[in-house]
Amino acid sequence: MPRFRLKTLLILLTVACVLLGAWGWINARMDAADKAWRASHTAFVPRQKDWPSPLKNLLGDGVVVPPFDISEVQVYCLYFDWNEEYVWKMPADAQTMKWLASRWSLRKIQSPPTWPIVQQRRGIYGIEIPAWWSPRLDDDTVYYDVPGGSDEWEVAWHPTEEIVYVHCLFRW
């Protein structure tokens, strides 16, 4: 059985500490780079070409004119990576909401849901949502979701204000 001297043990312990410290430093730098990258992709989305696909698909190829004013649509990207998370707000009267429900295959929810994004004001990945995205969980609001699939849709329509609020998490 080999015998280790104290000097050898101290050298091995020092090497182990240096390697562990280097791993911790690299891990911290990777986390910082990841957070910076996410922050650079978390913002208001002004260009229609960068909007999420369900919203872009409403615009179509220019043949079908959507029954709402496109200039009033506000889109915010909460997360952009393998999964994409967006919130948006747009004008929607009763006719527009019926059109949206058929285009997006929305299903009406009877009772007010307990959506964490509305209650906590944060997206799935912890990004704070903008102040203008403010659906209410009350009896005057009509709620929808999209059954099946891996994507998560939360849609709240305020008939009196004629505004629809949408939260979508598109899973890879």
N, C-alpha and C. Protein backbone atom coordinates (compact mmCIF):
# COMPACT_ATOMS: atom_id res chain seq x y z
N MET A 1 0.84 -1.17 0.00
CA MET A 1 0.00 0.00 0.00
C MET A 1 0.90 1.25 0.00
N PRO A 2 0.66 2.16 -0.97
CA PRO A 2 1.53 3.34 -1.06
C PRO A 2 1.29 4.28 0.12
N ARG A 3 2.35 4.96 0.48
CA ARG A 3 2.26 5.94 1.57
C ARG A 3 2.46 7.32 0.97
N PHE A 4 1.53 8.19 1.28
CA PHE A 4 1.62 9.55 0.78
C PHE A 4 2.20 10.45 1.85
N ARG A 5 3.06 11.29 1.42
CA ARG A 5 3.61 12.26 2.35
C ARG A 5 2.67 13.46 2.41
N LEU A 6 2.79 14.24 3.41
CA LEU A 6 1.95 15.42 3.61
C LEU A 6 2.10 16.39 2.44
N LYS A 7 3.30 16.55 1.93
CA LYS A 7 3.55 17.46 0.81
C LYS A 7 2.76 17.02 -0.43
N THR A 8 2.74 15.74 -0.71
CA THR A 8 2.00 15.21 -1.86
C THR A 8 0.50 15.45 -1.68
N LEU A 9 -0.02 15.22 -0.50
CA LEU A 9 -1.44 15.46 -0.24
C LEU A 9 -1.80 16.93 -0.42
N LEU A 10 -0.94 17.83 0.03
CA LEU A 10 -1.20 19.26 -0.13
C LEU A 10 -1.18 19.67 -1.60
N ILE A 11 -0.28 19.10 -2.37
CA ILE A 11 -0.23 19.39 -3.81
C ILE A 11 -1.51 18.90 -4.49
N LEU A 12 -1.94 17.69 -4.19
CA LEU A 12 -3.17 17.15 -4.78
C LEU A 12 -4.39 17.98 -4.37
N LEU A 13 -4.43 18.38 -3.12
CA LEU A 13 -5.54 19.21 -2.63
C LEU A 13 -5.53 20.57 -3.33
N THR A 14 -4.37 21.16 -3.53
CA THR A 14 -4.26 22.44 -4.23
C THR A 14 -4.73 22.32 -5.68
N VAL A 15 -4.30 21.27 -6.36
CA VAL A 15 -4.73 21.05 -7.75
C VAL A 15 -6.25 20.88 -7.81
N ALA A 16 -6.81 20.10 -6.89
CA ALA A 16 -8.26 19.90 -6.87
C ALA A 16 -8.99 21.23 -6.64
N CYS A 17 -8.49 22.05 -5.72
CA CYS A 17 -9.11 23.35 -5.44
C CYS A 17 -9.03 24.28 -6.65
N VAL A 18 -7.89 24.28 -7.33
CA VAL A 18 -7.73 25.12 -8.53
C VAL A 18 -8.70 24.67 -9.62
N LEU A 19 -8.81 23.37 -9.84
CA LEU A 19 -9.74 22.85 -10.85
C LEU A 19 -11.19 23.18 -10.49
N LEU A 20 -11.55 23.01 -9.24
CA LEU A 20 -12.91 23.32 -8.79
C LEU A 20 -13.19 24.82 -8.93
N GLY A 21 -12.22 25.65 -8.57
CA GLY A 21 -12.38 27.10 -8.72
C GLY A 21 -12.52 27.51 -10.18
N ALA A 22 -11.73 26.90 -11.05
CA ALA A 22 -11.81 27.19 -12.49
C ALA A 22 -13.17 26.78 -13.04
N TRP A 23 -13.65 25.62 -12.60
CA TRP A 23 -14.98 25.17 -13.05
C TRP A 23 -16.05 26.15 -12.59
N GLY A 24 -15.98 26.61 -11.36
CA GLY A 24 -16.95 27.58 -10.84
C GLY A 24 -16.90 28.89 -11.60
N TRP A 25 -15.70 29.37 -11.91
CA TRP A 25 -15.55 30.61 -12.65
C TRP A 25 -16.12 30.48 -14.07
N ILE A 26 -15.80 29.38 -14.73
CA ILE A 26 -16.33 29.14 -16.09
C ILE A 26 -17.85 29.04 -16.06
N ASN A 27 -18.39 28.34 -15.09
CA ASN A 27 -19.83 28.19 -14.96
C ASN A 27 -20.50 29.55 -14.76
N ALA A 28 -19.92 30.40 -13.92
CA ALA A 28 -20.48 31.74 -13.68
C ALA A 28 -20.43 32.59 -14.95
N ARG A 29 -19.35 32.51 -15.72
CA ARG A 29 -19.23 33.25 -16.98
C ARG A 29 -20.26 32.76 -17.99
N MET A 30 -20.48 31.45 -18.05
CA MET A 30 -21.48 30.89 -18.98
C MET A 30 -22.88 31.36 -18.60
N ASP A 31 -23.20 31.37 -17.31
CA ASP A 31 -24.51 31.86 -16.85
C ASP A 31 -24.69 33.33 -17.21
N ALA A 32 -23.66 34.13 -17.00
CA ALA A 32 -23.73 35.56 -17.33
C ALA A 32 -23.93 35.77 -18.83
N ALA A 33 -23.22 35.00 -19.64
CA ALA A 33 -23.37 35.11 -21.10
C ALA A 33 -24.76 34.69 -21.54
N ASP A 34 -25.30 33.63 -20.93
CA ASP A 34 -26.64 33.17 -21.26
C ASP A 34 -27.68 34.22 -20.89
N LYS A 35 -27.56 34.81 -19.71
CA LYS A 35 -28.51 35.85 -19.29
C LYS A 35 -28.42 37.08 -20.20
N ALA A 36 -27.22 37.45 -20.60
CA ALA A 36 -27.05 38.60 -21.50
C ALA A 36 -27.67 38.31 -22.86
N TRP A 37 -27.49 37.09 -23.35
CA TRP A 37 -28.08 36.73 -24.65
C TRP A 37 -29.60 36.77 -24.58
N ARG A 38 -30.16 36.21 -23.49
CA ARG A 38 -31.62 36.24 -23.33
C ARG A 38 -32.13 37.66 -23.23
N ALA A 39 -31.43 38.50 -22.48
CA ALA A 39 -31.86 39.89 -22.32
C ALA A 39 -31.84 40.62 -23.66
N SER A 40 -30.90 40.28 -24.53
CA SER A 40 -30.83 40.94 -25.84
C SER A 40 -31.98 40.52 -26.75
N HIS A 41 -32.63 39.40 -26.46
CA HIS A 41 -33.75 38.93 -27.25
C HIS A 41 -35.09 39.16 -26.56
N THR A 42 -35.09 39.83 -25.43
CA THR A 42 -36.31 40.13 -24.69
C THR A 42 -36.63 41.60 -24.90
N ALA A 43 -37.66 41.86 -25.72
CA ALA A 43 -37.94 43.25 -26.04
C ALA A 43 -39.24 43.38 -26.81
N PHE A 44 -39.66 44.61 -26.99
CA PHE A 44 -40.78 44.95 -27.85
C PHE A 44 -40.42 44.53 -29.27
N VAL A 45 -41.38 43.96 -29.99
CA VAL A 45 -41.14 43.48 -31.36
C VAL A 45 -41.86 44.42 -32.33
N PRO A 46 -41.16 45.41 -32.88
CA PRO A 46 -41.83 46.41 -33.71
C PRO A 46 -42.13 45.96 -35.14
N ARG A 47 -41.30 45.07 -35.70
CA ARG A 47 -41.47 44.70 -37.11
C ARG A 47 -42.38 43.48 -37.25
N GLN A 48 -43.31 43.56 -38.18
CA GLN A 48 -44.25 42.47 -38.41
C GLN A 48 -43.54 41.19 -38.83
N LYS A 49 -42.43 41.30 -39.53
CA LYS A 49 -41.73 40.09 -39.98
C LYS A 49 -41.14 39.31 -38.81
N ASP A 50 -40.98 39.95 -37.64
CA ASP A 50 -40.44 39.29 -36.45
C ASP A 50 -41.53 38.82 -35.49
N TRP A 51 -42.79 39.07 -35.82
CA TRP A 51 -43.89 38.65 -34.96
C TRP A 51 -43.95 37.12 -34.90
N PRO A 52 -44.58 36.56 -33.87
CA PRO A 52 -44.75 35.10 -33.81
C PRO A 52 -45.63 34.62 -34.96
N SER A 53 -45.41 33.40 -35.40
CA SER A 53 -46.08 32.89 -36.60
C SER A 53 -47.61 32.94 -36.55
N PRO A 54 -48.29 32.63 -35.43
CA PRO A 54 -49.75 32.71 -35.47
C PRO A 54 -50.26 34.13 -35.78
N LEU A 55 -49.54 35.11 -35.31
CA LEU A 55 -49.93 36.50 -35.57
C LEU A 55 -49.58 36.89 -37.00
N LYS A 56 -48.40 36.49 -37.47
CA LYS A 56 -48.01 36.76 -38.86
C LYS A 56 -48.96 36.08 -39.84
N ASN A 57 -49.40 34.87 -39.50
CA ASN A 57 -50.29 34.12 -40.39
C ASN A 57 -51.64 34.80 -40.55
N LEU A 58 -52.04 35.62 -39.58
CA LEU A 58 -53.29 36.37 -39.72
C LEU A 58 -53.20 37.38 -40.85
N LEU A 59 -52.01 37.89 -41.07
CA LEU A 59 -51.81 38.89 -42.12
C LEU A 59 -51.84 38.25 -43.50
N GLY A 60 -51.52 36.96 -43.54
CA GLY A 60 -51.58 36.21 -44.79
C GLY A 60 -50.66 36.77 -45.85
N ASP A 61 -51.08 36.59 -47.09
CA ASP A 61 -50.27 37.05 -48.22
C ASP A 61 -50.77 38.37 -48.78
N GLY A 62 -51.62 39.06 -48.03
CA GLY A 62 -52.15 40.33 -48.49
C GLY A 62 -53.49 40.21 -49.17
N VAL A 63 -53.93 38.98 -49.48
CA VAL A 63 -55.22 38.78 -50.13
C VAL A 63 -56.35 38.96 -49.12
N VAL A 64 -56.20 38.33 -47.95
CA VAL A 64 -57.20 38.45 -46.89
C VAL A 64 -56.77 39.59 -45.98
N VAL A 65 -57.65 40.57 -45.84
CA VAL A 65 -57.35 41.70 -44.96
C VAL A 65 -57.91 41.39 -43.58
N PRO A 66 -57.07 41.41 -42.54
CA PRO A 66 -57.57 41.11 -41.20
C PRO A 66 -58.56 42.18 -40.74
N PRO A 67 -59.57 41.77 -39.97
CA PRO A 67 -60.61 42.72 -39.54
C PRO A 67 -60.20 43.55 -38.31
N PHE A 68 -58.95 43.96 -38.25
CA PHE A 68 -58.48 44.82 -37.15
C PHE A 68 -57.36 45.70 -37.68
N ASP A 69 -57.08 46.75 -36.95
CA ASP A 69 -56.03 47.69 -37.34
C ASP A 69 -54.67 47.14 -36.92
N ILE A 70 -53.85 46.78 -37.89
CA ILE A 70 -52.55 46.16 -37.62
C ILE A 70 -51.63 47.11 -36.86
N SER A 71 -51.79 48.40 -37.08
CA SER A 71 -50.90 49.37 -36.42
C SER A 71 -51.11 49.43 -34.91
N GLU A 72 -52.24 48.91 -34.42
CA GLU A 72 -52.53 48.94 -32.99
C GLU A 72 -52.06 47.68 -32.25
N VAL A 73 -51.46 46.74 -32.97
CA VAL A 73 -50.98 45.50 -32.34
C VAL A 73 -49.66 45.77 -31.64
N GLN A 74 -49.56 45.33 -30.38
CA GLN A 74 -48.32 45.45 -29.61
C GLN A 74 -47.83 44.04 -29.29
N VAL A 75 -46.58 43.76 -29.62
CA VAL A 75 -46.00 42.42 -29.41
C VAL A 75 -44.73 42.57 -28.57
N TYR A 76 -44.57 41.67 -27.61
CA TYR A 76 -43.39 41.67 -26.74
C TYR A 76 -42.86 40.25 -26.65
N CYS A 77 -41.57 40.09 -26.90
CA CYS A 77 -40.92 38.78 -26.80
C CYS A 77 -40.37 38.62 -25.39
N LEU A 78 -40.85 37.60 -24.67
CA LEU A 78 -40.37 37.32 -23.31
C LEU A 78 -39.20 36.36 -23.31
N TYR A 79 -39.11 35.53 -24.33
CA TYR A 79 -38.03 34.53 -24.37
C TYR A 79 -37.89 34.05 -25.80
N PHE A 80 -36.65 33.89 -26.24
CA PHE A 80 -36.40 33.43 -27.60
C PHE A 80 -35.20 32.51 -27.59
N ASP A 81 -35.45 31.23 -27.69
CA ASP A 81 -34.40 30.22 -27.70
C ASP A 81 -35.03 28.99 -28.35
N TRP A 82 -34.83 27.83 -27.77
CA TRP A 82 -35.51 26.63 -28.28
C TRP A 82 -37.01 26.81 -28.15
N ASN A 83 -37.44 27.36 -27.04
CA ASN A 83 -38.84 27.71 -26.84
C ASN A 83 -38.96 29.22 -27.01
N GLU A 84 -40.11 29.65 -27.53
CA GLU A 84 -40.34 31.08 -27.70
C GLU A 84 -41.57 31.46 -26.89
N GLU A 85 -41.49 32.60 -26.22
CA GLU A 85 -42.61 33.06 -25.40
C GLU A 85 -42.92 34.52 -25.76
N TYR A 86 -44.17 34.78 -26.11
CA TYR A 86 -44.61 36.11 -26.51
C TYR A 86 -45.89 36.49 -25.77
N VAL A 87 -46.08 37.79 -25.60
CA VAL A 87 -47.39 38.33 -25.23
C VAL A 87 -47.71 39.40 -26.26
N TRP A 88 -48.99 39.52 -26.58
CA TRP A 88 -49.39 40.61 -27.45
C TRP A 88 -50.80 41.05 -27.12
N LYS A 89 -51.08 42.28 -27.56
CA LYS A 89 -52.37 42.94 -27.31
C LYS A 89 -52.82 43.51 -28.65
N MET A 90 -54.10 43.33 -28.95
CA MET A 90 -54.59 43.82 -30.22
C MET A 90 -56.07 44.17 -30.12
N PRO A 91 -56.57 45.05 -30.98
CA PRO A 91 -57.99 45.38 -30.96
C PRO A 91 -58.81 44.21 -31.48
N ALA A 92 -59.98 43.99 -30.88
CA ALA A 92 -60.83 42.89 -31.33
C ALA A 92 -62.28 43.13 -30.90
N ASP A 93 -63.13 43.46 -31.87
CA ASP A 93 -64.56 43.52 -31.57
C ASP A 93 -65.12 42.11 -31.66
N ALA A 94 -66.43 41.95 -31.52
CA ALA A 94 -67.04 40.62 -31.50
C ALA A 94 -66.78 39.86 -32.81
N GLN A 95 -66.88 40.56 -33.94
CA GLN A 95 -66.66 39.92 -35.24
C GLN A 95 -65.20 39.47 -35.37
N THR A 96 -64.28 40.32 -34.96
CA THR A 96 -62.85 39.97 -35.02
C THR A 96 -62.54 38.80 -34.11
N MET A 97 -63.13 38.79 -32.91
CA MET A 97 -62.86 37.69 -31.98
C MET A 97 -63.38 36.37 -32.53
N LYS A 98 -64.53 36.41 -33.19
CA LYS A 98 -65.06 35.19 -33.81
C LYS A 98 -64.11 34.71 -34.92
N TRP A 99 -63.58 35.65 -35.69
CA TRP A 99 -62.63 35.33 -36.75
C TRP A 99 -61.35 34.74 -36.16
N LEU A 100 -60.83 35.36 -35.08
CA LEU A 100 -59.62 34.85 -34.42
C LEU A 100 -59.85 33.45 -33.86
N ALA A 101 -61.01 33.24 -33.24
CA ALA A 101 -61.31 31.93 -32.65
C ALA A 101 -61.31 30.84 -33.72
N SER A 102 -61.82 31.15 -34.90
CA SER A 102 -61.83 30.13 -35.96
C SER A 102 -60.42 29.95 -36.55
N ARG A 103 -59.67 31.03 -36.71
CA ARG A 103 -58.32 30.93 -37.29
C ARG A 103 -57.34 30.20 -36.37
N TRP A 104 -57.46 30.44 -35.06
CA TRP A 104 -56.52 29.86 -34.09
C TRP A 104 -57.09 28.62 -33.39
N SER A 105 -58.28 28.18 -33.76
CA SER A 105 -58.94 27.02 -33.12
C SER A 105 -59.05 27.20 -31.61
N LEU A 106 -59.51 28.37 -31.20
CA LEU A 106 -59.64 28.67 -29.77
C LEU A 106 -60.85 27.95 -29.17
N ARG A 107 -60.70 27.55 -27.92
CA ARG A 107 -61.79 26.92 -27.17
C ARG A 107 -62.10 27.82 -25.98
N LYS A 108 -63.39 28.13 -25.82
CA LYS A 108 -63.80 29.00 -24.72
C LYS A 108 -63.68 28.26 -23.39
N ILE A 109 -63.18 28.96 -22.38
CA ILE A 109 -63.09 28.43 -21.01
C ILE A 109 -64.21 29.05 -20.21
N GLN A 110 -64.98 28.25 -19.50
CA GLN A 110 -66.16 28.76 -18.80
C GLN A 110 -65.85 29.59 -17.56
N SER A 111 -64.92 29.14 -16.75
CA SER A 111 -64.64 29.87 -15.51
C SER A 111 -63.30 30.61 -15.63
N PRO A 112 -63.13 31.70 -14.89
CA PRO A 112 -61.84 32.41 -14.96
C PRO A 112 -60.69 31.48 -14.59
N PRO A 113 -59.68 31.41 -15.43
CA PRO A 113 -58.54 30.52 -15.17
C PRO A 113 -57.60 31.11 -14.12
N THR A 114 -56.71 30.29 -13.65
CA THR A 114 -55.67 30.76 -12.73
C THR A 114 -54.35 30.76 -13.49
N TRP A 115 -54.19 31.74 -14.33
CA TRP A 115 -52.99 31.84 -15.15
C TRP A 115 -51.87 32.48 -14.34
N PRO A 116 -50.76 31.78 -14.15
CA PRO A 116 -49.64 32.36 -13.38
C PRO A 116 -49.10 33.65 -13.99
N ILE A 117 -49.12 33.76 -15.33
CA ILE A 117 -48.55 34.95 -15.96
C ILE A 117 -49.32 36.21 -15.57
N VAL A 118 -50.63 36.09 -15.37
CA VAL A 118 -51.44 37.26 -14.99
C VAL A 118 -51.25 37.57 -13.51
N GLN A 119 -51.21 36.54 -12.69
CA GLN A 119 -51.11 36.75 -11.25
C GLN A 119 -49.70 37.15 -10.82
N GLN A 120 -48.67 36.59 -11.44
CA GLN A 120 -47.29 36.86 -11.02
C GLN A 120 -46.62 37.94 -11.86
N ARG A 121 -47.24 38.31 -13.00
CA ARG A 121 -46.70 39.31 -13.91
C ARG A 121 -45.33 38.92 -14.45
N ARG A 122 -45.10 37.61 -14.59
CA ARG A 122 -43.84 37.11 -15.15
C ARG A 122 -44.15 35.96 -16.11
N GLY A 123 -43.29 35.81 -17.11
CA GLY A 123 -43.42 34.71 -18.05
C GLY A 123 -42.90 33.42 -17.45
N ILE A 124 -42.94 32.37 -18.23
CA ILE A 124 -42.50 31.05 -17.79
C ILE A 124 -41.05 31.07 -17.32
N TYR A 125 -40.21 31.85 -17.99
CA TYR A 125 -38.78 31.89 -17.67
C TYR A 125 -38.41 33.02 -16.71
N GLY A 126 -39.41 33.63 -16.08
CA GLY A 126 -39.16 34.64 -15.06
C GLY A 126 -38.99 36.06 -15.58
N ILE A 127 -39.20 36.28 -16.87
CA ILE A 127 -39.06 37.62 -17.44
C ILE A 127 -40.33 38.42 -17.13
N GLU A 128 -40.16 39.63 -16.64
CA GLU A 128 -41.30 40.47 -16.30
C GLU A 128 -42.02 40.92 -17.57
N ILE A 129 -43.36 40.88 -17.53
CA ILE A 129 -44.14 41.28 -18.70
C ILE A 129 -44.36 42.79 -18.69
N PRO A 130 -44.56 43.39 -19.87
CA PRO A 130 -44.73 44.85 -19.92
C PRO A 130 -46.05 45.29 -19.27
N ALA A 131 -46.08 46.53 -18.82
CA ALA A 131 -47.25 47.06 -18.11
C ALA A 131 -48.50 47.13 -18.99
N TRP A 132 -48.33 47.33 -20.30
CA TRP A 132 -49.49 47.45 -21.18
C TRP A 132 -50.22 46.12 -21.38
N TRP A 133 -49.57 45.01 -21.05
CA TRP A 133 -50.24 43.71 -21.18
C TRP A 133 -50.91 43.42 -19.84
N SER A 134 -52.20 43.74 -19.75
CA SER A 134 -52.87 43.70 -18.44
C SER A 134 -54.28 43.13 -18.51
N PRO A 135 -54.44 41.86 -18.87
CA PRO A 135 -55.78 41.28 -18.84
C PRO A 135 -56.26 41.13 -17.39
N ARG A 136 -57.55 41.23 -17.23
CA ARG A 136 -58.13 41.08 -15.89
C ARG A 136 -58.76 39.70 -15.78
N LEU A 137 -58.67 39.12 -14.60
CA LEU A 137 -59.36 37.86 -14.33
C LEU A 137 -60.65 38.21 -13.61
N ASP A 138 -61.70 38.48 -14.40
CA ASP A 138 -62.99 38.85 -13.82
C ASP A 138 -64.13 38.26 -14.65
N ASP A 139 -65.36 38.55 -14.25
CA ASP A 139 -66.52 37.97 -14.93
C ASP A 139 -66.83 38.63 -16.27
N ASP A 140 -66.27 39.81 -16.53
CA ASP A 140 -66.53 40.51 -17.78
C ASP A 140 -65.60 40.06 -18.91
N THR A 141 -64.63 39.24 -18.58
CA THR A 141 -63.64 38.80 -19.56
C THR A 141 -63.98 37.41 -20.07
N VAL A 142 -63.77 37.19 -21.36
CA VAL A 142 -63.99 35.88 -21.97
C VAL A 142 -62.61 35.25 -22.18
N TYR A 143 -62.47 33.99 -21.76
CA TYR A 143 -61.17 33.31 -21.79
C TYR A 143 -61.18 32.17 -22.80
N TYR A 144 -60.02 31.98 -23.41
CA TYR A 144 -59.86 30.92 -24.40
C TYR A 144 -58.52 30.23 -24.19
N ASP A 145 -58.45 29.00 -24.71
CA ASP A 145 -57.17 28.31 -24.83
C ASP A 145 -57.22 27.51 -26.12
N VAL A 146 -56.13 26.85 -26.44
CA VAL A 146 -56.07 25.99 -27.63
C VAL A 146 -55.85 24.57 -27.14
N PRO A 147 -56.84 23.69 -27.32
CA PRO A 147 -56.69 22.32 -26.83
C PRO A 147 -55.66 21.53 -27.64
N GLY A 148 -54.97 20.63 -26.93
CA GLY A 148 -54.01 19.74 -27.58
C GLY A 148 -52.74 20.47 -27.99
N GLY A 149 -51.80 19.72 -28.48
CA GLY A 149 -50.53 20.29 -28.93
C GLY A 149 -49.60 20.60 -27.77
N SER A 150 -48.38 20.94 -28.11
CA SER A 150 -47.40 21.22 -27.07
C SER A 150 -47.31 22.71 -26.73
N ASP A 151 -47.84 23.56 -27.61
CA ASP A 151 -47.80 25.00 -27.34
C ASP A 151 -48.87 25.37 -26.31
N GLU A 152 -48.58 26.41 -25.54
CA GLU A 152 -49.53 26.89 -24.55
C GLU A 152 -50.07 28.24 -24.99
N TRP A 153 -51.40 28.35 -25.04
CA TRP A 153 -52.07 29.59 -25.41
C TRP A 153 -52.94 30.03 -24.26
N GLU A 154 -52.90 31.30 -23.94
CA GLU A 154 -53.80 31.90 -22.97
C GLU A 154 -54.33 33.18 -23.60
N VAL A 155 -55.62 33.21 -23.85
CA VAL A 155 -56.23 34.33 -24.55
C VAL A 155 -57.35 34.90 -23.68
N ALA A 156 -57.31 36.20 -23.45
CA ALA A 156 -58.34 36.89 -22.68
C ALA A 156 -58.90 38.03 -23.53
N TRP A 157 -60.22 38.04 -23.71
CA TRP A 157 -60.87 39.06 -24.52
C TRP A 157 -61.78 39.90 -23.65
N HIS A 158 -61.61 41.22 -23.71
CA HIS A 158 -62.47 42.16 -22.99
C HIS A 158 -63.46 42.74 -23.99
N PRO A 159 -64.70 42.24 -24.02
CA PRO A 159 -65.67 42.71 -25.02
C PRO A 159 -66.00 44.20 -24.90
N THR A 160 -66.07 44.73 -23.68
CA THR A 160 -66.42 46.14 -23.52
C THR A 160 -65.31 47.05 -24.03
N GLU A 161 -64.06 46.66 -23.82
CA GLU A 161 -62.92 47.46 -24.29
C GLU A 161 -62.51 47.08 -25.70
N GLU A 162 -63.02 45.96 -26.19
CA GLU A 162 -62.68 45.43 -27.51
C GLU A 162 -61.17 45.25 -27.68
N ILE A 163 -60.58 44.57 -26.69
CA ILE A 163 -59.15 44.27 -26.71
C ILE A 163 -58.96 42.80 -26.39
N VAL A 164 -58.03 42.17 -27.08
CA VAL A 164 -57.68 40.78 -26.78
C VAL A 164 -56.21 40.74 -26.36
N TYR A 165 -55.96 39.99 -25.30
CA TYR A 165 -54.61 39.79 -24.77
C TYR A 165 -54.24 38.33 -25.01
N VAL A 166 -53.06 38.10 -25.56
CA VAL A 166 -52.62 36.74 -25.90
C VAL A 166 -51.26 36.48 -25.27
N HIS A 167 -51.13 35.30 -24.66
CA HIS A 167 -49.83 34.81 -24.18
C HIS A 167 -49.61 33.47 -24.86
N CYS A 168 -48.48 33.32 -25.53
CA CYS A 168 -48.15 32.06 -26.20
C CYS A 168 -46.75 31.61 -25.83
N LEU A 169 -46.66 30.34 -25.52
CA LEU A 169 -45.38 29.69 -25.30
C LEU A 169 -45.27 28.60 -26.35
N PHE A 170 -44.36 28.79 -27.28
CA PHE A 170 -44.17 27.84 -28.37
C PHE A 170 -43.03 26.91 -27.98
N ARG A 171 -43.36 25.66 -27.76
CA ARG A 171 -42.35 24.69 -27.34
C ARG A 171 -41.72 24.05 -28.57
N TRP A 172 -40.44 23.77 -28.45
CA TRP A 172 -39.70 23.17 -29.55
C TRP A 172 -40.14 21.77 -29.80
